[in-house]
C-alpha atoms as a PDB file:
ATOM      1  CA  MET A   1    -187.693 167.518 134.245  1.00  0.00           C
ATOM      2  CA  SER A   2    -191.440 167.493 134.875  1.00  0.00           C
ATOM      3  CA  ALA A   3    -193.034 166.071 138.004  1.00  0.00           C
ATOM      4  CA  ASP A   4    -194.832 163.423 135.885  1.00  0.00           C
ATOM      5  CA  ILE A   5    -191.555 162.138 134.468  1.00  0.00           C
ATOM      6  CA  ARG A   6    -189.940 162.006 137.915  1.00  0.00           C
ATOM      7  CA  LEU A   7    -192.948 160.087 139.268  1.00  0.00           C
ATOM      8  CA  ASP A   8    -192.819 157.605 136.378  1.00  0.00           C
ATOM      9  CA  GLN A   9    -189.131 156.972 137.062  1.00  0.00           C
ATOM     10  CA  LEU A  10    -189.814 156.476 140.759  1.00  0.00           C
ATOM     11  CA  LEU A  11    -192.587 153.977 140.056  1.00  0.00           C
ATOM     12  CA  GLU A  12    -190.251 151.936 137.849  1.00  0.00           C
ATOM     13  CA  HIS A  13    -187.984 151.237 140.838  1.00  0.00           C
ATOM     14  CA  PRO A  14    -188.124 147.496 141.709  1.00  0.00           C
ATOM     15  CA  ALA A  15    -188.652 148.273 145.397  1.00  0.00           C
ATOM     16  CA  ILE A  16    -192.030 149.840 144.604  1.00  0.00           C
ATOM     17  CA  TRP A  17    -194.953 147.404 144.583  1.00  0.00           C
ATOM     18  CA  ARG A  18    -197.982 148.475 142.502  1.00  0.00           C
ATOM     19  CA  GLY A  19    -199.995 145.255 142.574  1.00  0.00           C
ATOM     20  CA  ARG A  20    -200.538 143.709 139.136  1.00  0.00           C
ATOM     21  CA  SER A  21    -199.045 146.808 137.502  1.00  0.00           C
ATOM     22  CA  ALA A  22    -195.788 146.355 139.396  1.00  0.00           C
ATOM     23  CA  ALA A  23    -192.615 148.067 138.271  1.00  0.00           C
ATOM     24  CA  ARG A  24    -190.617 146.158 135.703  1.00  0.00           C
ATOM     25  CA  THR A  25    -187.892 144.040 137.237  1.00  0.00           C
ATOM     26  CA  GLU A  26    -184.970 142.296 135.640  1.00  0.00           C
ATOM     27  CA  ALA A  27    -185.689 138.592 135.639  1.00  0.00           C
ATOM     28  CA  LEU A  28    -183.952 135.294 135.022  1.00  0.00           C
ATOM     29  CA  PRO A  29    -186.013 132.696 133.100  1.00  0.00           C
ATOM     30  CA  THR A  30    -186.921 129.714 135.257  1.00  0.00           C
ATOM     31  CA  GLY A  31    -186.621 127.218 132.406  1.00  0.00           C
ATOM     32  CA  PHE A  32    -190.323 126.343 132.785  1.00  0.00           C
ATOM     33  CA  GLY A  33    -192.453 128.291 130.327  1.00  0.00           C
ATOM     34  CA  SER A  34    -195.713 127.950 132.229  1.00  0.00           C
ATOM     35  CA  LEU A  35    -194.040 129.210 135.403  1.00  0.00           C
ATOM     36  CA  ASP A  36    -192.423 132.164 133.625  1.00  0.00           C
ATOM     37  CA  GLU A  37    -195.849 133.248 132.389  1.00  0.00           C
ATOM     38  CA  CYS A  38    -197.038 133.552 135.994  1.00  0.00           C
ATOM     39  CA  LEU A  39    -194.108 135.567 137.324  1.00  0.00           C
ATOM     40  CA  PRO A  40    -193.536 139.320 137.095  1.00  0.00           C
ATOM     41  CA  GLY A  41    -190.810 139.898 134.523  1.00  0.00           C
ATOM     42  CA  ARG A  42    -191.318 136.299 133.308  1.00  0.00           C
ATOM     43  CA  GLY A  43    -188.747 134.708 135.593  1.00  0.00           C
ATOM     44  CA  TRP A  44    -186.988 134.646 138.952  1.00  0.00           C
ATOM     45  CA  PRO A  45    -186.090 138.126 140.217  1.00  0.00           C
ATOM     46  CA  ARG A  46    -182.512 138.950 139.262  1.00  0.00           C
ATOM     47  CA  ALA A  47    -182.114 140.624 142.643  1.00  0.00           C
ATOM     48  CA  GLY A  48    -184.636 139.636 145.283  1.00  0.00           C
ATOM     49  CA  LEU A  49    -185.591 137.044 147.856  1.00  0.00           C
ATOM     50  CA  VAL A  50    -187.753 134.065 146.931  1.00  0.00           C
ATOM     51  CA  GLU A  51    -189.220 131.755 149.565  1.00  0.00           C
ATOM     52  CA  ILE A  52    -190.035 128.187 148.540  1.00  0.00           C
ATOM     53  CA  LEU A  53    -192.055 126.325 151.147  1.00  0.00           C
ATOM     54  CA  VAL A  54    -192.029 122.535 151.253  1.00  0.00           C
ATOM     55  CA  ASP A  55    -193.296 119.802 153.562  1.00  0.00           C
ATOM     56  CA  ARG A  56    -189.844 118.225 153.704  1.00  0.00           C
ATOM     57  CA  PRO A  57    -186.461 118.736 152.007  1.00  0.00           C
ATOM     58  CA  GLY A  58    -185.742 116.839 148.827  1.00  0.00           C
ATOM     59  CA  CYS A  59    -189.227 116.949 147.286  1.00  0.00           C
ATOM     60  CA  GLY A  60    -188.188 118.787 144.119  1.00  0.00           C
ATOM     61  CA  GLU A  61    -187.171 122.219 145.340  1.00  0.00           C
ATOM     62  CA  LEU A  62    -183.676 121.949 143.878  1.00  0.00           C
ATOM     63  CA  THR A  63    -184.927 120.580 140.553  1.00  0.00           C
ATOM     64  CA  LEU A  64    -187.033 123.720 140.237  1.00  0.00           C
ATOM     65  CA  LEU A  65    -183.881 125.864 140.352  1.00  0.00           C
ATOM     66  CA  MET A  66    -181.680 123.757 138.072  1.00  0.00           C
ATOM     67  CA  PRO A  67    -182.268 125.609 134.767  1.00  0.00           C
ATOM     68  CA  ALA A  68    -181.568 128.972 136.405  1.00  0.00           C
ATOM     69  CA  LEU A  69    -178.442 127.704 138.158  1.00  0.00           C
ATOM     70  CA  ALA A  70    -177.168 126.221 134.916  1.00  0.00           C
ATOM     71  CA  ALA A  71    -177.704 129.529 133.114  1.00  0.00           C
ATOM     72  CA  LEU A  72    -176.004 131.549 135.839  1.00  0.00           C
ATOM     73  CA  THR A  73    -172.958 129.325 136.210  1.00  0.00           C
ATOM     74  CA  GLN A  74    -172.379 129.187 132.456  1.00  0.00           C
ATOM     75  CA  GLN A  75    -172.509 132.955 131.958  1.00  0.00           C
ATOM     76  CA  SER A  76    -169.262 134.715 131.129  1.00  0.00           C
ATOM     77  CA  ALA A  77    -170.529 138.144 130.048  1.00  0.00           C
ATOM     78  CA  PRO A  78    -169.469 141.232 132.070  1.00  0.00           C
ATOM     79  CA  GLY A  79    -171.411 141.450 135.313  1.00  0.00           C
ATOM     80  CA  TRP A  80    -172.188 137.723 135.301  1.00  0.00           C
ATOM     81  CA  GLY A  81    -170.276 134.583 136.046  1.00  0.00           C
ATOM     82  CA  ARG A  82    -170.144 135.082 139.794  1.00  0.00           C
ATOM     83  CA  TRP A  83    -170.488 132.295 142.348  1.00  0.00           C
ATOM     84  CA  CYS A  84    -173.586 130.314 143.260  1.00  0.00           C
ATOM     85  CA  ALA A  85    -173.756 129.176 146.868  1.00  0.00           C
ATOM     86  CA  PHE A  86    -175.634 126.488 148.778  1.00  0.00           C
ATOM     87  CA  VAL A  87    -175.943 127.360 152.476  1.00  0.00           C
ATOM     88  CA  ALA A  88    -176.651 124.511 154.901  1.00  0.00           C
ATOM     89  CA  PRO A  89    -178.198 122.004 152.456  1.00  0.00           C
ATOM     90  CA  PRO A  90    -179.841 119.150 154.395  1.00  0.00           C
ATOM     91  CA  PHE A  91    -178.253 116.451 152.211  1.00  0.00           C
ATOM     92  CA  GLU A  92    -175.018 116.219 150.273  1.00  0.00           C
ATOM     93  CA  PRO A  93    -175.548 117.614 146.747  1.00  0.00           C
ATOM     94  CA  PHE A  94    -174.818 114.958 144.134  1.00  0.00           C
ATOM     95  CA  ALA A  95    -172.239 116.510 141.801  1.00  0.00           C
ATOM     96  CA  PRO A  96    -172.836 114.237 138.750  1.00  0.00           C
ATOM     97  CA  ALA A  97    -176.555 115.081 138.767  1.00  0.00           C
ATOM     98  CA  LEU A  98    -175.843 118.800 139.051  1.00  0.00           C
ATOM     99  CA  ALA A  99    -173.408 118.588 136.144  1.00  0.00           C
ATOM    100  CA  ALA A 100    -175.943 116.611 134.110  1.00  0.00           C
ATOM    101  CA  HIS A 101    -178.360 119.527 134.525  1.00  0.00           C
ATOM    102  CA  GLY A 102    -175.741 121.892 133.100  1.00  0.00           C
ATOM    103  CA  VAL A 103    -174.481 123.421 136.350  1.00  0.00           C
ATOM    104  CA  ALA A 104    -170.815 124.422 136.097  1.00  0.00           C
ATOM    105  CA  LEU A 105    -169.456 122.887 139.306  1.00  0.00           C
ATOM    106  CA  GLU A 106    -166.437 125.197 139.395  1.00  0.00           C
ATOM    107  CA  LYS A 107    -168.820 128.130 140.012  1.00  0.00           C
ATOM    108  CA  LEU A 108    -170.564 126.434 142.927  1.00  0.00           C
ATOM    109  CA  PHE A 109    -169.616 126.358 146.590  1.00  0.00           C
ATOM    110  CA  ILE A 110    -171.271 124.844 149.641  1.00  0.00           C
ATOM    111  CA  VAL A 111    -171.321 126.454 153.078  1.00  0.00           C
ATOM    112  CA  ARG A 112    -171.473 124.247 156.172  1.00  0.00           C
ATOM    113  CA  THR A 113    -171.786 126.362 159.291  1.00  0.00           C
ATOM    114  CA  SER A 114    -173.363 126.566 162.720  1.00  0.00           C
ATOM    115  CA  GLU A 115    -174.653 130.036 161.773  1.00  0.00           C
ATOM    116  CA  PRO A 116    -176.496 129.524 158.469  1.00  0.00           C
ATOM    117  CA  LEU A 117    -178.494 132.751 158.652  1.00  0.00           C
ATOM    118  CA  TRP A 118    -175.322 134.820 159.014  1.00  0.00           C
ATOM    119  CA  ALA A 119    -173.660 132.948 156.141  1.00  0.00           C
ATOM    120  CA  PHE A 120    -176.755 133.353 153.972  1.00  0.00           C
ATOM    121  CA  GLU A 121    -176.910 137.107 154.526  1.00  0.00           C
ATOM    122  CA  GLN A 122    -173.190 137.669 154.045  1.00  0.00           C
ATOM    123  CA  SER A 123    -173.126 135.652 150.833  1.00  0.00           C
ATOM    124  CA  LEU A 124    -176.010 137.701 149.453  1.00  0.00           C
ATOM    125  CA  ARG A 125    -174.473 141.020 150.457  1.00  0.00           C
ATOM    126  CA  SER A 126    -170.980 140.210 149.244  1.00  0.00           C
ATOM    127  CA  GLY A 127    -171.503 141.029 145.578  1.00  0.00           C
ATOM    128  CA  ALA A 128    -169.603 137.840 144.731  1.00  0.00           C
ATOM    129  CA  CYS A 129    -172.661 135.633 144.152  1.00  0.00           C
ATOM    130  CA  ASP A 130    -175.255 135.505 141.403  1.00  0.00           C
ATOM    131  CA  ALA A 131    -177.475 133.234 143.496  1.00  0.00           C
ATOM    132  CA  VAL A 132    -177.516 131.963 147.066  1.00  0.00           C
ATOM    133  CA  LEU A 133    -179.743 129.069 148.130  1.00  0.00           C
ATOM    134  CA  GLY A 134    -180.297 128.612 151.844  1.00  0.00           C
ATOM    135  CA  TRP A 135    -182.108 125.883 153.746  1.00  0.00           C
ATOM    136  CA  MET A 136    -183.398 127.718 156.807  1.00  0.00           C
ATOM    137  CA  GLN A 137    -184.902 126.001 159.837  1.00  0.00           C
ATOM    138  CA  ARG A 138    -186.472 129.122 161.315  1.00  0.00           C
ATOM    139  CA  LEU A 139    -186.642 132.725 160.173  1.00  0.00           C
ATOM    140  CA  ARG A 140    -188.204 135.700 161.887  1.00  0.00           C
ATOM    141  CA  THR A 141    -189.864 138.410 159.826  1.00  0.00           C
ATOM    142  CA  ARG A 142    -186.984 140.755 160.567  1.00  0.00           C
ATOM    143  CA  ASP A 143    -184.532 138.078 159.368  1.00  0.00           C
ATOM    144  CA  VAL A 144    -186.388 137.791 156.064  1.00  0.00           C
ATOM    145  CA  ARG A 145    -186.328 141.566 155.730  1.00  0.00           C
ATOM    146  CA  ARG A 146    -182.554 141.599 156.233  1.00  0.00           C
ATOM    147  CA  LEU A 147    -182.141 138.893 153.605  1.00  0.00           C
ATOM    148  CA  GLN A 148    -184.300 140.818 151.143  1.00  0.00           C
ATOM    149  CA  LEU A 149    -182.182 143.937 151.667  1.00  0.00           C
ATOM    150  CA  ALA A 150    -179.036 141.850 151.263  1.00  0.00           C
ATOM    151  CA  THR A 151    -180.206 140.620 147.840  1.00  0.00           C
ATOM    152  CA  GLU A 152    -180.615 144.221 146.743  1.00  0.00           C
ATOM    153  CA  ARG A 153    -177.233 145.234 148.125  1.00  0.00           C
ATOM    154  CA  GLY A 154    -175.392 142.330 146.483  1.00  0.00           C
ATOM    155  CA  ARG A 155    -177.629 142.209 143.407  1.00  0.00           C
ATOM    156  CA  ALA A 156    -178.239 138.507 143.853  1.00  0.00           C
ATOM    157  CA  LEU A 157    -181.062 136.018 143.649  1.00  0.00           C
ATOM    158  CA  GLY A 158    -181.716 134.649 147.127  1.00  0.00           C
ATOM    159  CA  VAL A 159    -183.786 131.513 147.618  1.00  0.00           C
ATOM    160  CA  ALA A 160    -184.822 130.499 151.121  1.00  0.00           C
ATOM    161  CA  PHE A 161    -186.196 126.979 151.463  1.00  0.00           C
ATOM    162  CA  ARG A 162    -188.537 126.846 154.450  1.00  0.00           C
ATOM    163  CA  THR A 163    -191.133 124.514 155.891  1.00  0.00           C
ATOM    164  CA  ARG A 164    -194.759 124.839 154.891  1.00  0.00           C
ATOM    165  CA  ARG A 165    -195.614 126.116 158.372  1.00  0.00           C
ATOM    166  CA  ALA A 166    -194.016 129.429 157.429  1.00  0.00           C
ATOM    167  CA  ALA A 167    -196.987 130.132 155.137  1.00  0.00           C
ATOM    168  CA  ARG A 168    -198.853 131.469 158.165  1.00  0.00           C
ATOM    169  CA  GLU A 169    -196.176 134.086 158.829  1.00  0.00           C
ATOM    170  CA  PRO A 170    -195.870 137.516 157.186  1.00  0.00           C
ATOM    171  CA  SER A 171    -192.902 137.943 154.874  1.00  0.00           C
ATOM    172  CA  PRO A 172    -191.261 140.839 152.983  1.00  0.00           C
ATOM    173  CA  ALA A 173    -189.876 138.439 150.337  1.00  0.00           C
ATOM    174  CA  VAL A 174    -190.770 139.459 146.782  1.00  0.00           C
ATOM    175  CA  LEU A 175    -192.031 135.976 145.894  1.00  0.00           C
ATOM    176  CA  ARG A 176    -193.408 133.111 147.993  1.00  0.00           C
ATOM    177  CA  LEU A 177    -194.267 129.689 146.598  1.00  0.00           C
ATOM    178  CA  VAL A 178    -195.483 126.410 148.036  1.00  0.00           C
ATOM    179  CA  LEU A 179    -194.101 123.388 146.198  1.00  0.00           C
ATOM    180  CA  ASP A 180    -195.891 120.035 146.348  1.00  0.00           C
ATOM    181  CA  PRO A 181    -194.460 116.989 144.561  1.00  0.00           C
ATOM    182  CA  ALA A 182    -196.557 115.451 141.802  1.00  0.00           C
ATOM    183  CA  GLU A 183    -196.242 112.239 139.820  1.00  0.00           C
ATOM    184  CA  CYS A 184    -194.155 113.750 136.982  1.00  0.00           C
ATOM    185  CA  GLY A 185    -193.276 117.129 138.401  1.00  0.00           C
ATOM    186  CA  ALA A 186    -194.678 119.513 140.957  1.00  0.00           C
ATOM    187  CA  ARG A 187    -197.615 121.731 141.798  1.00  0.00           C
ATOM    188  CA  ILE A 188    -196.700 125.311 142.598  1.00  0.00           C
ATOM    189  CA  THR A 189    -199.019 127.531 144.624  1.00  0.00           C
ATOM    190  CA  PHE A 190    -198.356 131.263 144.670  1.00  0.00           C
ATOM    191  CA  LEU A 191    -198.699 132.768 148.131  1.00  0.00           C
ATOM    192  CA  LYS A 192    -197.189 136.115 147.212  1.00  0.00           C
ATOM    193  CA  SER A 193    -196.074 137.457 143.854  1.00  0.00           C
ATOM    194  CA  ARG A 194    -195.561 141.169 143.343  1.00  0.00           C
ATOM    195  CA  GLY A 195    -197.454 141.799 140.141  1.00  0.00           C
ATOM    196  CA  GLY A 196    -197.700 138.103 139.279  1.00  0.00           C
ATOM    197  CA  ARG A 197    -200.426 135.496 139.295  1.00  0.00           C
ATOM    198  CA  ARG A 198    -202.141 133.858 142.251  1.00  0.00           C
ATOM    199  CA  GLY A 199    -203.461 130.305 142.482  1.00  0.00           C
ATOM    200  CA  SER A 200    -201.656 127.103 141.445  1.00  0.00           C
ATOM    201  CA  ILE A 201    -200.038 125.606 138.355  1.00  0.00           C
ATOM    202  CA  ASP A 202    -198.553 122.203 137.547  1.00  0.00           C
ATOM    203  CA  ILE A 203    -195.135 121.832 135.946  1.00  0.00           C
ATOM    204  CA  SER A 204    -193.373 118.663 134.803  1.00  0.00           C
ATOM    205  CA  TRP A 205    -189.764 117.547 134.659  1.00  0.00           C
ATOM    206  CA  ASN A 206    -187.698 114.446 134.192  1.00  0.00           C
ATOM    207  CA  THR A 207    -187.044 112.826 137.547  1.00  0.00           C
ATOM    208  CA  ALA A 208    -183.414 113.216 138.650  1.00  0.00           C
ATOM    209  CA  GLU A 209    -181.740 112.367 141.940  1.00  0.00           C
ATOM    210  CA  LEU A 210    -179.961 115.558 142.978  1.00  0.00           C
ATOM    211  CA  PHE A 211    -178.902 114.473 146.446  1.00  0.00           C
ATOM    212  CA  GLY A 212    -176.649 111.489 146.684  1.00  0.00           C
ATOM    213  CA  SER A 213    -176.177 110.770 150.373  1.00  0.00           C
ATOM    214  CA  ARG A 214    -177.871 111.739 153.581  1.00  0.00           C
END
């Protein structure tokens, strides 16, 4: 095998970042065409950590993930059909609304714990989850790095919901977005996207109440 071929194979590894010519990564469509066009691989990373920064919980961050969660929980092909976990959600998820979005409730579990970071990391590393969503109050850079490594180990999509203040902090996550609510949807600003677009886009959705009780 020539050195050029070995180098090409190395550069295709998803852990290697080459700017806008980033290595191809397996992706899960977001369900929003305009968003897919902005993301490397045209979707959420199949294995990687995404940070979504919001001013306050409940401003549309869960709606953004609904198409992907529906697709994951309905999969039955080999290598799919694992669990999807919510770690420390700030409100009680409203089951009828989740089901109305196509989420298979029998594939979903919710973790309530005094150690959400530990539960988040273990769920990602376990290999039992396709996706793990965690609402994190505070994360250090080394915590984010551990979560990113855990997504690779467990081959899972990890989504950390954080406050907008975290935008000032460095992060090894593969994708960082700021989500601002809009009249009929949301504005998404890309803070970090390995090989993807920068700037902002607007997406729209039908308003749905995904949290039933505080």
